[in-house]
Amino acid sequence: STQLSDTWEYATSSPALFAIGGTGCAGSAGTPALSHEGYPWVNDSIEVVLGSLGTAPSIFIWGISDQTMSGVPLPLDLGLLGATGCTLYTSIDITVPVAQPTAGEARWTIPIPEMYLLAGLEFYIQGMAMDSSANSLGWITSDYGSATIGVR
């Protein structure tokens, strides 16, 4: 018999990542908080969850930048628009409406197609919910997620 003294370990050169950053602003049902189930792997999906919503209609914002939006630097203090303490962290490139959250949370499943050229692509997710009693803008924001698409 032969005994080998080496150990092999596989690691992808393009890992899937998801990190939460920033802070949300309080509304009548609490402060909306973003979380996720799974990671953004090519040919898979990630589910993004927005909690502490009550029954307010909400939206998910998908953006390709956390630095600028149409030349405006991010993060953007939404107090300028009447939402004191609220911040926009990501560019608004796609919005996905949620008519009424279930059990105080909204869910969005994002499919990642089988396109290996997407590996390493970064995108950003943030949630917003209508809340007319929170501020004069009538919207509150969540923290945000920073994602990188990976290949297994």
N, C-alpha and C. Protein backbone atom coordinates (compact mmCIF):
# COMPACT_ATOMS: atom_id res chain seq x y z
N SER A 1 0.83 -1.18 0.00
CA SER A 1 0.00 0.00 0.00
C SER A 1 0.87 1.24 0.00
N THR A 2 0.32 2.29 -0.59
CA THR A 2 1.04 3.55 -0.68
C THR A 2 0.31 4.59 0.15
N GLN A 3 1.05 5.35 0.89
CA GLN A 3 0.46 6.41 1.70
C GLN A 3 0.89 7.77 1.14
N LEU A 4 -0.09 8.64 0.90
CA LEU A 4 0.20 9.97 0.38
C LEU A 4 0.19 10.97 1.54
N SER A 5 1.13 11.87 1.53
CA SER A 5 1.22 12.83 2.63
C SER A 5 0.74 14.22 2.24
N ASP A 6 0.11 14.36 1.08
CA ASP A 6 -0.37 15.68 0.69
C ASP A 6 -1.89 15.76 0.81
N THR A 7 -2.39 16.95 0.94
CA THR A 7 -3.83 17.20 1.05
C THR A 7 -4.22 18.15 -0.06
N TRP A 8 -5.31 17.84 -0.73
CA TRP A 8 -5.82 18.68 -1.81
C TRP A 8 -7.09 19.37 -1.34
N GLU A 9 -7.22 20.62 -1.69
CA GLU A 9 -8.41 21.38 -1.32
C GLU A 9 -8.84 22.20 -2.52
N TYR A 10 -10.13 22.11 -2.87
CA TYR A 10 -10.65 22.87 -4.00
C TYR A 10 -11.19 24.21 -3.52
N ALA A 11 -10.86 25.24 -4.23
CA ALA A 11 -11.43 26.57 -3.98
C ALA A 11 -11.62 27.24 -5.33
N THR A 12 -12.76 27.88 -5.50
CA THR A 12 -13.03 28.56 -6.75
C THR A 12 -12.21 29.84 -6.84
N SER A 13 -11.86 30.23 -8.03
CA SER A 13 -11.15 31.50 -8.21
C SER A 13 -12.12 32.66 -8.32
N SER A 14 -13.43 32.36 -8.41
CA SER A 14 -14.47 33.40 -8.49
C SER A 14 -15.55 33.09 -7.46
N PRO A 15 -15.33 33.44 -6.19
CA PRO A 15 -16.34 33.12 -5.17
C PRO A 15 -17.56 34.04 -5.26
N ALA A 16 -18.70 33.51 -4.86
CA ALA A 16 -19.92 34.31 -4.76
C ALA A 16 -19.93 34.97 -3.37
N LEU A 17 -20.22 36.26 -3.33
CA LEU A 17 -20.20 37.00 -2.08
C LEU A 17 -21.47 37.81 -1.90
N PHE A 18 -21.85 38.03 -0.64
CA PHE A 18 -22.95 38.93 -0.33
C PHE A 18 -22.68 39.50 1.05
N ALA A 19 -22.62 40.82 1.15
CA ALA A 19 -22.35 41.48 2.43
C ALA A 19 -23.37 42.59 2.64
N ILE A 20 -23.75 42.79 3.90
CA ILE A 20 -24.69 43.84 4.27
C ILE A 20 -23.91 45.04 4.79
N GLY A 21 -24.31 46.25 4.37
CA GLY A 21 -23.66 47.47 4.83
C GLY A 21 -24.67 48.58 5.03
N GLY A 22 -24.23 49.67 5.61
CA GLY A 22 -25.10 50.82 5.82
C GLY A 22 -26.12 50.58 6.92
N THR A 23 -27.03 51.53 7.07
CA THR A 23 -28.10 51.41 8.05
C THR A 23 -29.40 51.89 7.44
N GLY A 24 -30.48 51.30 7.89
CA GLY A 24 -31.80 51.72 7.43
C GLY A 24 -32.32 52.84 8.31
N CYS A 25 -33.49 53.36 7.97
CA CYS A 25 -34.12 54.39 8.80
C CYS A 25 -35.46 53.87 9.29
N ALA A 26 -35.81 54.29 10.49
CA ALA A 26 -36.99 53.75 11.17
C ALA A 26 -38.30 54.22 10.56
N GLY A 27 -39.26 53.31 10.56
CA GLY A 27 -40.62 53.60 10.15
C GLY A 27 -41.57 53.14 11.24
N SER A 28 -42.85 53.15 10.96
CA SER A 28 -43.84 52.79 11.97
C SER A 28 -43.80 51.31 12.37
N ALA A 29 -43.24 50.44 11.51
CA ALA A 29 -43.14 49.00 11.83
C ALA A 29 -41.71 48.61 12.22
N GLY A 30 -40.83 49.59 12.39
CA GLY A 30 -39.43 49.30 12.70
C GLY A 30 -38.53 49.76 11.58
N THR A 31 -37.28 49.33 11.64
CA THR A 31 -36.30 49.70 10.62
C THR A 31 -36.17 48.55 9.62
N PRO A 32 -36.46 48.79 8.35
CA PRO A 32 -36.34 47.71 7.36
C PRO A 32 -34.91 47.16 7.32
N ALA A 33 -34.81 45.85 7.29
CA ALA A 33 -33.50 45.20 7.29
C ALA A 33 -33.42 44.19 6.16
N LEU A 34 -32.32 44.21 5.45
CA LEU A 34 -32.08 43.31 4.33
C LEU A 34 -31.34 42.08 4.81
N SER A 35 -31.68 40.93 4.27
CA SER A 35 -30.93 39.69 4.51
C SER A 35 -30.98 38.88 3.22
N HIS A 36 -30.34 37.73 3.21
CA HIS A 36 -30.33 36.92 2.00
C HIS A 36 -30.33 35.44 2.34
N GLU A 37 -30.78 34.65 1.38
CA GLU A 37 -30.73 33.19 1.48
C GLU A 37 -30.02 32.71 0.23
N GLY A 38 -28.87 32.09 0.41
CA GLY A 38 -28.06 31.63 -0.70
C GLY A 38 -27.08 32.71 -1.13
N TYR A 39 -26.34 32.40 -2.18
CA TYR A 39 -25.35 33.32 -2.73
C TYR A 39 -25.51 33.42 -4.24
N PRO A 40 -25.02 34.49 -4.85
CA PRO A 40 -25.21 34.67 -6.29
C PRO A 40 -24.21 33.86 -7.14
N TRP A 41 -24.48 32.57 -7.26
CA TRP A 41 -23.66 31.69 -8.10
C TRP A 41 -24.22 31.67 -9.51
N VAL A 42 -23.36 31.57 -10.50
CA VAL A 42 -23.79 31.40 -11.89
C VAL A 42 -24.65 30.14 -11.96
N ASN A 43 -25.75 30.21 -12.71
CA ASN A 43 -26.68 29.10 -12.91
C ASN A 43 -27.38 28.70 -11.61
N ASP A 44 -27.66 29.67 -10.76
CA ASP A 44 -28.36 29.44 -9.50
C ASP A 44 -29.18 30.70 -9.22
N SER A 45 -29.61 30.89 -8.00
CA SER A 45 -30.34 32.10 -7.65
C SER A 45 -30.04 32.48 -6.21
N ILE A 46 -30.33 33.71 -5.88
CA ILE A 46 -30.20 34.21 -4.53
C ILE A 46 -31.54 34.84 -4.17
N GLU A 47 -31.99 34.63 -2.95
CA GLU A 47 -33.23 35.25 -2.51
C GLU A 47 -32.89 36.36 -1.52
N VAL A 48 -33.37 37.56 -1.82
CA VAL A 48 -33.13 38.71 -0.96
C VAL A 48 -34.42 38.95 -0.17
N VAL A 49 -34.26 39.19 1.13
CA VAL A 49 -35.41 39.35 2.03
C VAL A 49 -35.34 40.73 2.67
N LEU A 50 -36.46 41.43 2.66
CA LEU A 50 -36.57 42.73 3.29
C LEU A 50 -37.57 42.60 4.43
N GLY A 51 -37.10 42.75 5.67
CA GLY A 51 -37.95 42.54 6.84
C GLY A 51 -38.30 43.83 7.55
N SER A 52 -39.17 43.71 8.56
CA SER A 52 -39.67 44.82 9.39
C SER A 52 -40.44 45.84 8.57
N LEU A 53 -41.35 45.33 7.73
CA LEU A 53 -42.11 46.20 6.84
C LEU A 53 -43.53 46.48 7.28
N GLY A 54 -44.07 45.68 8.17
CA GLY A 54 -45.50 45.80 8.42
C GLY A 54 -46.24 45.35 7.18
N THR A 55 -47.23 46.12 6.75
CA THR A 55 -48.00 45.77 5.55
C THR A 55 -47.81 46.79 4.43
N ALA A 56 -46.83 47.65 4.57
CA ALA A 56 -46.62 48.72 3.59
C ALA A 56 -46.09 48.20 2.26
N PRO A 57 -46.60 48.74 1.16
CA PRO A 57 -46.01 48.41 -0.14
C PRO A 57 -44.53 48.82 -0.15
N SER A 58 -43.73 48.05 -0.86
CA SER A 58 -42.29 48.32 -0.87
C SER A 58 -41.71 48.02 -2.24
N ILE A 59 -40.43 48.39 -2.39
CA ILE A 59 -39.71 48.08 -3.62
C ILE A 59 -38.31 47.60 -3.27
N PHE A 60 -37.79 46.78 -4.16
CA PHE A 60 -36.37 46.44 -4.13
C PHE A 60 -35.70 47.29 -5.20
N ILE A 61 -34.54 47.81 -4.89
CA ILE A 61 -33.75 48.57 -5.84
C ILE A 61 -32.52 47.74 -6.19
N TRP A 62 -32.28 47.54 -7.48
CA TRP A 62 -31.09 46.83 -7.95
C TRP A 62 -30.23 47.84 -8.68
N GLY A 63 -28.97 47.93 -8.30
CA GLY A 63 -28.09 48.90 -8.93
C GLY A 63 -26.75 48.31 -9.28
N ILE A 64 -26.06 48.96 -10.21
CA ILE A 64 -24.74 48.50 -10.61
C ILE A 64 -23.62 49.32 -9.99
N SER A 65 -24.00 50.34 -9.20
CA SER A 65 -22.98 51.17 -8.56
C SER A 65 -23.39 51.55 -7.14
N ASP A 66 -22.40 51.64 -6.28
CA ASP A 66 -22.61 52.22 -4.95
C ASP A 66 -21.76 53.48 -4.81
N GLN A 67 -21.29 53.98 -5.94
CA GLN A 67 -20.44 55.18 -5.96
C GLN A 67 -21.15 56.41 -6.52
N THR A 68 -21.87 56.24 -7.64
CA THR A 68 -22.57 57.35 -8.27
C THR A 68 -23.87 56.88 -8.92
N MET A 69 -24.79 57.83 -9.08
CA MET A 69 -26.03 57.58 -9.81
C MET A 69 -26.28 58.81 -10.68
N SER A 70 -26.13 58.65 -11.98
CA SER A 70 -26.30 59.77 -12.93
C SER A 70 -25.46 60.98 -12.53
N GLY A 71 -24.24 60.71 -12.10
CA GLY A 71 -23.32 61.78 -11.74
C GLY A 71 -23.45 62.28 -10.30
N VAL A 72 -24.46 61.81 -9.57
CA VAL A 72 -24.65 62.21 -8.17
C VAL A 72 -23.90 61.22 -7.28
N PRO A 73 -23.05 61.72 -6.38
CA PRO A 73 -22.30 60.82 -5.50
C PRO A 73 -23.22 60.05 -4.54
N LEU A 74 -22.87 58.79 -4.31
CA LEU A 74 -23.56 57.94 -3.33
C LEU A 74 -22.60 57.65 -2.19
N PRO A 75 -23.08 57.42 -0.99
CA PRO A 75 -24.49 57.42 -0.58
C PRO A 75 -25.09 58.82 -0.59
N LEU A 76 -26.42 58.85 -0.77
CA LEU A 76 -27.16 60.11 -0.88
C LEU A 76 -28.07 60.26 0.34
N ASP A 77 -27.93 61.35 1.06
CA ASP A 77 -28.77 61.65 2.22
C ASP A 77 -30.15 62.07 1.71
N LEU A 78 -31.17 61.25 2.01
CA LEU A 78 -32.52 61.55 1.54
C LEU A 78 -33.24 62.57 2.42
N GLY A 79 -32.55 63.06 3.44
CA GLY A 79 -33.09 64.15 4.24
C GLY A 79 -33.34 65.38 3.39
N LEU A 80 -32.59 65.51 2.31
CA LEU A 80 -32.77 66.63 1.38
C LEU A 80 -34.16 66.60 0.74
N LEU A 81 -34.76 65.40 0.69
CA LEU A 81 -36.09 65.23 0.08
C LEU A 81 -37.18 65.06 1.14
N GLY A 82 -36.81 65.16 2.42
CA GLY A 82 -37.80 65.04 3.48
C GLY A 82 -37.75 63.74 4.25
N ALA A 83 -36.83 62.84 3.91
CA ALA A 83 -36.71 61.56 4.61
C ALA A 83 -35.50 61.62 5.54
N THR A 84 -35.64 62.36 6.63
CA THR A 84 -34.55 62.55 7.58
C THR A 84 -34.05 61.22 8.13
N GLY A 85 -32.73 61.04 8.10
CA GLY A 85 -32.12 59.81 8.60
C GLY A 85 -32.08 58.67 7.61
N CYS A 86 -32.66 58.87 6.42
CA CYS A 86 -32.68 57.82 5.40
C CYS A 86 -31.59 58.08 4.36
N THR A 87 -31.02 56.99 3.85
CA THR A 87 -29.91 57.09 2.91
C THR A 87 -30.13 56.16 1.72
N LEU A 88 -29.84 56.66 0.52
CA LEU A 88 -29.83 55.83 -0.68
C LEU A 88 -28.39 55.42 -0.91
N TYR A 89 -28.13 54.10 -0.91
CA TYR A 89 -26.77 53.58 -1.03
C TYR A 89 -26.42 53.09 -2.42
N THR A 90 -27.41 52.84 -3.26
CA THR A 90 -27.14 52.23 -4.57
C THR A 90 -27.81 53.00 -5.69
N SER A 91 -27.23 52.90 -6.87
CA SER A 91 -27.87 53.51 -8.04
C SER A 91 -29.19 52.78 -8.28
N ILE A 92 -30.13 53.49 -8.86
CA ILE A 92 -31.45 52.89 -9.15
C ILE A 92 -31.47 52.52 -10.62
N ASP A 93 -31.14 51.26 -10.91
CA ASP A 93 -31.13 50.79 -12.29
C ASP A 93 -32.33 49.91 -12.61
N ILE A 94 -32.82 49.17 -11.62
CA ILE A 94 -34.03 48.36 -11.75
C ILE A 94 -34.79 48.47 -10.43
N THR A 95 -36.11 48.61 -10.51
CA THR A 95 -36.94 48.54 -9.31
C THR A 95 -37.92 47.40 -9.46
N VAL A 96 -38.13 46.69 -8.36
CA VAL A 96 -39.06 45.57 -8.33
C VAL A 96 -40.09 45.85 -7.24
N PRO A 97 -41.34 46.13 -7.61
CA PRO A 97 -42.35 46.45 -6.61
C PRO A 97 -42.89 45.20 -5.90
N VAL A 98 -43.24 45.39 -4.63
CA VAL A 98 -43.90 44.35 -3.84
C VAL A 98 -45.19 44.98 -3.34
N ALA A 99 -46.34 44.52 -3.83
CA ALA A 99 -47.62 45.15 -3.52
C ALA A 99 -47.91 45.14 -2.03
N GLN A 100 -47.83 43.98 -1.40
CA GLN A 100 -48.05 43.89 0.04
C GLN A 100 -47.20 42.77 0.60
N PRO A 101 -46.31 43.09 1.51
CA PRO A 101 -45.45 42.07 2.10
C PRO A 101 -46.27 41.01 2.84
N THR A 102 -45.72 39.82 2.95
CA THR A 102 -46.33 38.74 3.70
C THR A 102 -45.61 38.61 5.03
N ALA A 103 -46.36 38.62 6.11
CA ALA A 103 -45.79 38.50 7.45
C ALA A 103 -44.70 39.53 7.72
N GLY A 104 -44.89 40.73 7.18
CA GLY A 104 -43.96 41.82 7.44
C GLY A 104 -42.66 41.77 6.66
N GLU A 105 -42.59 40.88 5.68
CA GLU A 105 -41.36 40.83 4.88
C GLU A 105 -41.67 40.63 3.41
N ALA A 106 -40.76 41.15 2.59
CA ALA A 106 -40.86 41.01 1.14
C ALA A 106 -39.69 40.15 0.68
N ARG A 107 -39.91 39.32 -0.34
CA ARG A 107 -38.87 38.44 -0.86
C ARG A 107 -38.75 38.63 -2.36
N TRP A 108 -37.50 38.56 -2.82
CA TRP A 108 -37.22 38.67 -4.26
C TRP A 108 -36.17 37.62 -4.59
N THR A 109 -36.53 36.69 -5.47
CA THR A 109 -35.58 35.68 -5.94
C THR A 109 -34.96 36.18 -7.23
N ILE A 110 -33.63 36.28 -7.21
CA ILE A 110 -32.90 36.80 -8.37
C ILE A 110 -32.19 35.63 -9.05
N PRO A 111 -32.64 35.22 -10.24
CA PRO A 111 -31.96 34.13 -10.94
C PRO A 111 -30.66 34.64 -11.57
N ILE A 112 -29.61 33.86 -11.45
CA ILE A 112 -28.33 34.19 -12.08
C ILE A 112 -28.17 33.23 -13.26
N PRO A 113 -28.19 33.73 -14.49
CA PRO A 113 -28.15 32.84 -15.65
C PRO A 113 -26.82 32.09 -15.78
N GLU A 114 -26.85 31.04 -16.60
CA GLU A 114 -25.64 30.25 -16.85
C GLU A 114 -24.80 30.98 -17.91
N MET A 115 -24.21 32.08 -17.47
CA MET A 115 -23.34 32.89 -18.33
C MET A 115 -22.07 33.16 -17.53
N TYR A 116 -21.04 32.41 -17.82
CA TYR A 116 -19.82 32.47 -17.01
C TYR A 116 -19.09 33.80 -17.12
N LEU A 117 -19.42 34.60 -18.13
CA LEU A 117 -18.81 35.92 -18.23
C LEU A 117 -19.33 36.86 -17.14
N LEU A 118 -20.39 36.45 -16.42
CA LEU A 118 -20.91 37.25 -15.31
C LEU A 118 -20.05 37.13 -14.05
N ALA A 119 -19.18 36.14 -14.02
CA ALA A 119 -18.33 35.92 -12.83
C ALA A 119 -17.57 37.19 -12.49
N GLY A 120 -17.65 37.58 -11.24
CA GLY A 120 -16.96 38.78 -10.77
C GLY A 120 -17.81 40.05 -10.87
N LEU A 121 -18.97 39.98 -11.54
CA LEU A 121 -19.84 41.16 -11.65
C LEU A 121 -20.38 41.52 -10.27
N GLU A 122 -20.32 42.80 -9.93
CA GLU A 122 -20.85 43.27 -8.66
C GLU A 122 -22.18 43.97 -8.90
N PHE A 123 -23.11 43.78 -7.96
CA PHE A 123 -24.36 44.53 -8.00
C PHE A 123 -24.79 44.83 -6.56
N TYR A 124 -25.77 45.71 -6.42
CA TYR A 124 -26.17 46.20 -5.11
C TYR A 124 -27.69 46.16 -5.00
N ILE A 125 -28.19 45.85 -3.81
CA ILE A 125 -29.62 45.75 -3.55
C ILE A 125 -29.96 46.60 -2.33
N GLN A 126 -31.06 47.34 -2.41
CA GLN A 126 -31.56 48.08 -1.26
C GLN A 126 -33.08 48.02 -1.30
N GLY A 127 -33.71 48.13 -0.14
CA GLY A 127 -35.16 48.13 -0.06
C GLY A 127 -35.68 49.48 0.38
N MET A 128 -36.89 49.79 -0.09
CA MET A 128 -37.60 51.00 0.35
C MET A 128 -39.05 50.60 0.59
N ALA A 129 -39.67 51.24 1.59
CA ALA A 129 -41.07 50.96 1.89
C ALA A 129 -41.82 52.26 2.08
N MET A 130 -43.08 52.26 1.65
CA MET A 130 -43.93 53.43 1.86
C MET A 130 -44.29 53.51 3.34
N ASP A 131 -44.20 54.72 3.90
CA ASP A 131 -44.58 54.93 5.30
C ASP A 131 -44.86 56.42 5.48
N SER A 132 -46.11 56.79 5.27
CA SER A 132 -46.48 58.22 5.30
C SER A 132 -46.31 58.85 6.67
N SER A 133 -46.30 58.06 7.73
CA SER A 133 -46.14 58.63 9.06
C SER A 133 -44.67 58.77 9.48
N ALA A 134 -43.74 58.23 8.69
CA ALA A 134 -42.33 58.25 9.08
C ALA A 134 -41.65 59.59 8.79
N ASN A 135 -42.01 60.20 7.66
CA ASN A 135 -41.37 61.46 7.26
C ASN A 135 -42.19 62.11 6.15
N SER A 136 -41.80 63.30 5.74
CA SER A 136 -42.59 64.01 4.74
C SER A 136 -42.45 63.42 3.34
N LEU A 137 -41.38 62.67 3.07
CA LEU A 137 -41.26 62.00 1.77
C LEU A 137 -42.21 60.81 1.68
N GLY A 138 -42.48 60.18 2.82
CA GLY A 138 -43.40 59.04 2.84
C GLY A 138 -42.74 57.71 2.51
N TRP A 139 -41.41 57.66 2.54
CA TRP A 139 -40.66 56.43 2.26
C TRP A 139 -39.57 56.25 3.31
N ILE A 140 -39.27 55.00 3.61
CA ILE A 140 -38.15 54.66 4.47
C ILE A 140 -37.24 53.70 3.70
N THR A 141 -35.98 53.62 4.11
CA THR A 141 -35.00 52.79 3.40
C THR A 141 -34.40 51.74 4.34
N SER A 142 -33.87 50.70 3.73
CA SER A 142 -33.17 49.64 4.48
C SER A 142 -31.66 49.88 4.37
N ASP A 143 -30.92 49.00 5.02
CA ASP A 143 -29.48 48.91 4.77
C ASP A 143 -29.34 48.37 3.34
N TYR A 144 -28.15 48.02 2.90
CA TYR A 144 -28.03 47.52 1.53
C TYR A 144 -27.11 46.30 1.46
N GLY A 145 -27.27 45.56 0.38
CA GLY A 145 -26.45 44.38 0.13
C GLY A 145 -25.52 44.60 -1.04
N SER A 146 -24.30 44.15 -0.87
CA SER A 146 -23.29 44.22 -1.93
C SER A 146 -23.00 42.79 -2.36
N ALA A 147 -23.23 42.47 -3.62
CA ALA A 147 -23.09 41.09 -4.10
C ALA A 147 -22.07 40.99 -5.22
N THR A 148 -21.38 39.85 -5.26
CA THR A 148 -20.48 39.53 -6.36
C THR A 148 -20.85 38.14 -6.88
N ILE A 149 -21.08 38.04 -8.19
CA ILE A 149 -21.45 36.76 -8.79
C ILE A 149 -20.22 35.86 -8.88
N GLY A 150 -20.41 34.62 -8.47
CA GLY A 150 -19.31 33.66 -8.47
C GLY A 150 -19.59 32.44 -9.33
N VAL A 151 -18.55 31.64 -9.55
CA VAL A 151 -18.63 30.39 -10.31
C VAL A 151 -18.16 29.27 -9.40
N ARG A 152 -18.92 28.20 -9.34
CA ARG A 152 -18.51 27.04 -8.51
C ARG A 152 -17.49 26.22 -9.22
